[in-house]
Amino acid sequence: MLVDATTLAADLQVGGGADPVEGRPVVLDVRWALGMTDGHDRYRAGHVPGAVYVDLETELAAHASPAAGRHPLPSTSAFQQAARRWGVSAGSRVVVYDSVGGTSAARAWWLLRYFGVRAVRILDGGLAAWSAEGLVLEPGDVTPEPGDVVAQPGGMPVLDADEAAALASGAGVLLDARAAERYRGEVEPVDPQAGHVPGAVSAPTTENLGADGRFLSTADLRRRFGALGVSTGSTGVYCGSGVTASHEVAALAVAGVDAALYPGSWSQWSNDPAREVATGA
């Protein structure tokens, strides 16, 4: 699930053989956050050596619409084209990172696994952890040799709005990975209605991280999710648009829980006048 900076640095200094399973990992820089528009410029200023920039808005999502949400899942053909541009081939090992504790890089982690790439890990602590170890950054763009991966959807479970509603109504647990004030309906910066899916449980994904931006230990994550009602039953996760919810799915996986993602998330739910909206704690 996770890799630390020193282990990744050692991995990047070895391998490089013809067999992608034994060679260097493909490293992807997913520099994005809500409101950030200069991710590519930040990447060019300095990134993990050999890392390829990934544009979340155009490569990790389809076009936004009220019916589908702000970051719908990309089509199989579009994702395959993007992954091949990144240099991903059959059998590739992939490491993803960002500068926000993995909360955007996890979208790439989730999509790669959804489309059949199994050996994907998140750099624990992201770029800050890399720099904290005194490891070098490389400027400029990286253009790798194109890969040959064949995208095959279905590798991760997903929910539609009706299935998310059913979980929240008692068929399981539906976690809301947004900030608590958005869940309560006190503020809503981008979507048409404030509040949450009735019956959903507030579980901000940032609380899966320690003060150093790294994931909590497996034991701590198990305690956290257990306190939120997550057990052996069905678990689903949503957020604003399906991006940071991927990070919560990753944290649940670290804790040993297989969770489904609701890709449309609040941006889809809140645009449907037929869907009820709850507010408060």
Protein backbone atom coordinates (compact mmCIF):
# COMPACT_ATOMS: atom_id res chain seq x y z
CA MET A 1 0.00 0.00 0.00
CA LEU A 2 2.63 2.52 1.10
CA VAL A 3 6.33 3.11 0.50
CA ASP A 4 8.63 5.41 2.48
CA ALA A 5 10.99 7.90 0.87
CA THR A 6 14.25 6.10 1.63
CA THR A 7 12.94 2.82 0.23
CA LEU A 8 11.77 4.54 -2.94
CA ALA A 9 15.10 6.33 -3.32
CA ALA A 10 16.96 3.02 -3.08
CA ASP A 11 14.56 1.46 -5.59
CA LEU A 12 15.17 4.24 -8.09
CA GLN A 13 18.94 3.71 -7.95
CA VAL A 14 18.74 0.04 -9.00
CA GLY A 15 17.04 -2.04 -11.64
CA GLY A 16 16.31 -0.58 -15.02
CA GLY A 17 16.35 -3.99 -16.72
CA ALA A 18 14.14 -5.03 -19.59
CA ASP A 19 11.59 -6.72 -17.32
CA PRO A 20 9.33 -3.98 -15.89
CA VAL A 21 8.52 -6.12 -12.84
CA GLU A 22 12.19 -6.13 -11.86
CA GLY A 23 13.02 -2.66 -13.19
CA ARG A 24 12.60 0.79 -11.75
CA PRO A 25 9.11 1.78 -10.66
CA VAL A 26 7.10 4.29 -12.65
CA VAL A 27 6.77 7.38 -10.42
CA LEU A 28 3.83 9.74 -10.89
CA ASP A 29 3.58 13.28 -9.54
CA VAL A 30 -0.07 14.25 -8.94
CA ARG A 31 0.37 17.83 -7.74
CA TRP A 32 -3.27 18.96 -7.27
CA ALA A 33 -5.60 20.35 -4.62
CA LEU A 34 -8.94 22.14 -4.70
CA GLY A 35 -8.24 25.61 -6.07
CA MET A 36 -4.66 24.80 -7.14
CA THR A 37 -3.93 25.77 -10.75
CA ASP A 38 -0.12 25.68 -10.82
CA GLY A 39 0.54 22.01 -10.18
CA HIS A 40 2.52 21.55 -13.38
CA ASP A 41 4.65 24.62 -12.66
CA ARG A 42 5.44 23.29 -9.18
CA TYR A 43 6.35 19.94 -10.70
CA ARG A 44 8.72 21.60 -13.18
CA ALA A 45 10.40 23.48 -10.33
CA GLY A 46 11.36 20.19 -8.65
CA HIS A 47 10.11 16.62 -8.45
CA VAL A 48 11.26 13.12 -7.52
CA PRO A 49 13.86 12.17 -10.16
CA GLY A 50 12.22 10.48 -13.11
CA ALA A 51 8.68 11.29 -11.98
CA VAL A 52 6.08 12.02 -14.67
CA TYR A 53 3.52 14.76 -14.14
CA VAL A 54 -0.12 13.67 -14.06
CA ASP A 55 -2.88 16.20 -14.70
CA LEU A 56 -5.73 15.21 -12.41
CA GLU A 57 -8.34 17.37 -14.14
CA THR A 58 -7.72 15.99 -17.65
CA GLU A 59 -6.18 12.53 -17.08
CA LEU A 60 -7.79 11.28 -13.87
CA ALA A 61 -11.31 12.48 -14.61
CA ALA A 62 -13.81 12.85 -17.43
CA HIS A 63 -15.59 16.11 -18.20
CA ALA A 64 -17.63 17.48 -15.32
CA SER A 65 -21.41 17.69 -15.48
CA PRO A 66 -24.20 18.18 -12.94
CA ALA A 67 -25.43 14.66 -13.68
CA ALA A 68 -22.05 12.93 -13.23
CA GLY A 69 -20.25 15.25 -10.80
CA ARG A 70 -17.10 17.36 -10.92
CA HIS A 71 -14.63 14.49 -11.44
CA PRO A 72 -16.37 11.53 -13.11
CA LEU A 73 -14.29 8.44 -13.78
CA PRO A 74 -12.43 8.62 -17.10
CA SER A 75 -13.36 6.19 -19.85
CA THR A 76 -11.29 3.04 -20.24
CA SER A 77 -9.76 4.24 -23.51
CA ALA A 78 -8.91 7.70 -22.13
CA PHE A 79 -7.27 6.25 -19.03
CA GLN A 80 -5.31 3.68 -21.03
CA GLN A 81 -3.98 6.42 -23.28
CA ALA A 82 -2.94 8.50 -20.27
CA ALA A 83 -1.32 5.58 -18.44
CA ARG A 84 0.68 4.63 -21.52
CA ARG A 85 1.88 8.24 -21.75
CA TRP A 86 3.11 7.92 -18.16
CA GLY A 87 5.15 4.87 -19.17
CA VAL A 88 2.96 2.24 -17.48
CA SER A 89 3.26 -1.22 -19.03
CA ALA A 90 1.95 -4.66 -18.21
CA GLY A 91 3.64 -5.66 -14.95
CA SER A 92 4.85 -2.16 -14.07
CA ARG A 93 5.31 -1.17 -10.46
CA VAL A 94 3.96 2.32 -9.84
CA VAL A 95 4.48 4.85 -7.02
CA VAL A 96 2.28 7.95 -6.78
CA TYR A 97 2.79 11.07 -4.68
CA ASP A 98 1.71 14.68 -4.23
CA SER A 99 2.35 17.57 -1.83
CA VAL A 100 -0.83 17.17 0.25
CA GLY A 101 -0.34 13.94 2.18
CA GLY A 102 -1.49 11.71 -0.67
CA THR A 103 -5.02 13.12 -0.78
CA SER A 104 -4.79 13.76 -4.53
CA ALA A 105 -2.24 11.08 -5.46
CA ALA A 106 -4.62 8.48 -4.04
CA ARG A 107 -6.93 9.22 -6.98
CA ALA A 108 -4.21 7.89 -9.31
CA TRP A 109 -3.65 4.94 -6.94
CA TRP A 110 -7.34 4.09 -6.99
CA LEU A 111 -7.77 4.46 -10.76
CA LEU A 112 -4.71 2.38 -11.57
CA ARG A 113 -6.01 -0.40 -9.36
CA TYR A 114 -9.53 -0.01 -10.75
CA PHE A 115 -8.16 -0.42 -14.28
CA GLY A 116 -6.15 -3.52 -13.39
CA VAL A 117 -2.68 -2.31 -12.32
CA ARG A 118 -2.13 -4.08 -9.00
CA ALA A 119 1.39 -3.06 -7.96
CA VAL A 120 0.66 0.55 -6.98
CA ARG A 121 1.87 2.27 -3.83
CA ILE A 122 1.55 5.75 -2.34
CA LEU A 123 4.66 7.59 -1.19
CA ASP A 124 3.90 7.99 2.51
CA GLY A 125 4.19 11.67 3.41
CA GLY A 126 4.52 12.73 -0.22
CA LEU A 127 7.05 15.22 -1.49
CA ALA A 128 7.58 16.66 2.00
CA ALA A 129 8.76 13.26 3.27
CA TRP A 130 11.15 12.97 0.31
CA SER A 131 12.65 16.40 1.00
CA ALA A 132 12.80 15.74 4.76
CA GLU A 133 15.23 12.90 4.04
CA GLY A 134 17.51 15.32 2.19
CA LEU A 135 16.83 13.61 -1.13
CA VAL A 136 17.42 15.52 -4.35
CA LEU A 137 14.74 16.99 -6.60
CA GLU A 138 14.93 17.10 -10.37
CA PRO A 139 13.65 20.11 -12.36
CA GLY A 140 11.92 20.14 -15.74
CA ASP A 141 9.61 17.73 -17.51
CA VAL A 142 10.14 13.99 -17.88
CA THR A 143 8.92 12.23 -21.03
CA PRO A 144 9.19 8.46 -20.60
CA GLU A 145 9.06 5.74 -23.21
CA PRO A 146 5.36 5.00 -23.82
CA GLY A 147 3.97 1.99 -22.00
CA ASP A 148 1.74 -0.77 -23.28
CA VAL A 149 -0.66 -1.32 -20.37
CA VAL A 150 -4.14 -2.57 -21.28
CA ALA A 151 -6.75 -0.97 -19.02
CA GLN A 152 -9.35 -3.40 -17.70
CA PRO A 153 -12.01 -1.76 -15.49
CA GLY A 154 -13.55 -3.38 -12.44
CA GLY A 155 -10.56 -3.89 -10.18
CA MET A 156 -12.04 -1.78 -7.35
CA PRO A 157 -15.67 -1.63 -6.12
CA VAL A 158 -17.80 1.41 -6.91
CA LEU A 159 -21.18 2.73 -5.80
CA ASP A 160 -23.83 4.69 -7.63
CA ALA A 161 -26.08 7.15 -5.80
CA ASP A 162 -28.76 4.57 -4.99
CA GLU A 163 -26.21 2.14 -3.57
CA ALA A 164 -24.63 4.92 -1.50
CA ALA A 165 -28.07 5.81 -0.14
CA ALA A 166 -28.72 2.19 0.76
CA LEU A 167 -25.47 1.95 2.74
CA ALA A 168 -26.25 5.16 4.59
CA SER A 169 -29.75 3.88 5.37
CA GLY A 170 -28.45 0.88 7.28
CA ALA A 171 -27.20 -1.63 4.72
CA GLY A 172 -23.66 -0.77 5.80
CA VAL A 173 -21.62 2.34 6.59
CA LEU A 174 -21.19 5.32 4.28
CA LEU A 175 -18.29 7.59 5.24
CA ASP A 176 -18.10 11.27 4.23
CA ALA A 177 -14.42 12.12 3.72
CA ARG A 178 -14.89 15.91 3.46
CA ALA A 179 -14.03 18.42 6.15
CA ALA A 180 -16.45 18.26 9.08
CA GLU A 181 -17.82 21.76 8.49
CA ARG A 182 -18.83 20.79 4.95
CA TYR A 183 -20.48 17.63 6.23
CA ARG A 184 -22.45 19.65 8.78
CA GLY A 185 -23.56 22.09 6.08
CA GLU A 186 -21.93 25.12 7.67
CA VAL A 187 -19.97 25.94 4.51
CA GLU A 188 -20.00 24.73 0.91
CA PRO A 189 -17.36 26.29 -1.37
CA VAL A 190 -18.19 24.62 -4.70
CA ASP A 191 -21.33 22.50 -4.77
CA PRO A 192 -24.96 23.73 -5.08
CA GLN A 193 -26.19 22.52 -1.69
CA ALA A 194 -24.55 22.29 1.72
CA GLY A 195 -24.89 19.22 3.90
CA HIS A 196 -24.45 15.47 3.55
CA VAL A 197 -26.08 12.24 2.45
CA PRO A 198 -28.66 11.36 5.14
CA GLY A 199 -27.23 8.67 7.39
CA ALA A 200 -23.62 9.15 6.28
CA VAL A 201 -20.91 9.35 8.96
CA SER A 202 -18.43 12.24 9.05
CA ALA A 203 -14.89 10.91 8.61
CA PRO A 204 -12.53 13.65 7.30
CA THR A 205 -9.76 11.97 5.34
CA THR A 206 -7.16 14.38 6.73
CA GLU A 207 -7.63 12.67 10.11
CA ASN A 208 -6.08 9.53 8.62
CA LEU A 209 -2.76 11.40 8.66
CA GLY A 210 -0.43 12.36 11.47
CA ALA A 211 1.08 15.80 11.97
CA ASP A 212 3.93 14.81 9.64
CA GLY A 213 1.54 14.14 6.75
CA ARG A 214 2.10 10.38 6.90
CA PHE A 215 -0.61 7.78 7.32
CA LEU A 216 -1.44 6.74 10.87
CA SER A 217 -0.31 3.27 11.89
CA THR A 218 -2.44 0.29 10.95
CA ALA A 219 -3.53 -0.12 14.57
CA ASP A 220 -4.52 3.55 14.88
CA LEU A 221 -6.47 3.43 11.62
CA ARG A 222 -8.31 0.32 12.77
CA ARG A 223 -9.25 2.06 16.00
CA ARG A 224 -10.37 5.18 14.11
CA PHE A 225 -12.61 3.33 11.69
CA GLY A 226 -13.92 1.00 14.37
CA ALA A 227 -15.05 4.03 16.38
CA LEU A 228 -16.88 5.26 13.26
CA GLY A 229 -18.85 2.03 13.03
CA VAL A 230 -16.83 0.30 10.34
CA SER A 231 -16.71 -3.45 10.89
CA THR A 232 -16.87 -6.47 8.61
CA GLY A 233 -19.96 -5.20 6.78
CA SER A 234 -20.14 -3.16 3.60
CA THR A 235 -18.37 0.21 3.64
CA GLY A 236 -18.56 3.04 1.13
CA VAL A 237 -16.85 6.41 0.90
CA TYR A 238 -17.65 9.71 -0.80
CA CYS A 239 -16.29 13.25 -0.69
CA GLY A 240 -16.89 16.34 -2.81
CA SER A 241 -16.07 14.82 -6.18
CA GLY A 242 -14.51 11.41 -5.60
CA VAL A 243 -10.88 12.55 -5.26
CA THR A 244 -10.09 12.70 -1.55
CA ALA A 245 -12.48 9.82 -0.93
CA SER A 246 -9.93 7.69 -2.78
CA HIS A 247 -7.48 8.55 0.02
CA GLU A 248 -9.97 7.29 2.58
CA VAL A 249 -10.37 4.06 0.59
CA ALA A 250 -6.58 3.73 0.75
CA ALA A 251 -6.55 4.33 4.51
CA LEU A 252 -9.28 1.74 4.97
CA ALA A 253 -7.21 -0.70 2.91
CA VAL A 254 -4.24 -0.10 5.22
CA ALA A 255 -6.60 -0.99 8.08
CA GLY A 256 -7.65 -4.17 6.29
CA VAL A 257 -11.08 -2.97 5.09
CA ASP A 258 -12.16 -3.20 1.44
CA ALA A 259 -14.32 -0.14 0.77
CA ALA A 260 -16.28 0.99 -2.28
CA LEU A 261 -15.94 4.48 -3.79
CA TYR A 262 -18.94 6.60 -4.75
CA PRO A 263 -17.32 8.46 -7.69
CA GLY A 264 -20.12 11.00 -8.21
CA SER A 265 -19.93 11.98 -4.53
CA TRP A 266 -21.49 15.16 -3.17
CA SER A 267 -21.06 17.07 -6.45
CA GLN A 268 -23.45 14.59 -8.11
CA TRP A 269 -25.79 14.07 -5.14
CA SER A 270 -26.30 17.79 -4.45
CA ASN A 271 -27.18 18.48 -8.09
CA ASP A 272 -30.07 16.01 -8.02
CA PRO A 273 -33.23 17.70 -6.66
CA ALA A 274 -34.73 14.28 -5.91
CA ARG A 275 -32.02 13.49 -3.34
CA GLU A 276 -32.56 14.41 0.29
CA VAL A 277 -29.91 16.51 2.04
CA ALA A 278 -29.12 16.39 5.74
CA THR A 279 -27.31 18.99 7.85
CA GLY A 280 -25.89 19.07 11.33
CA ALA A 281 -23.55 16.78 13.21
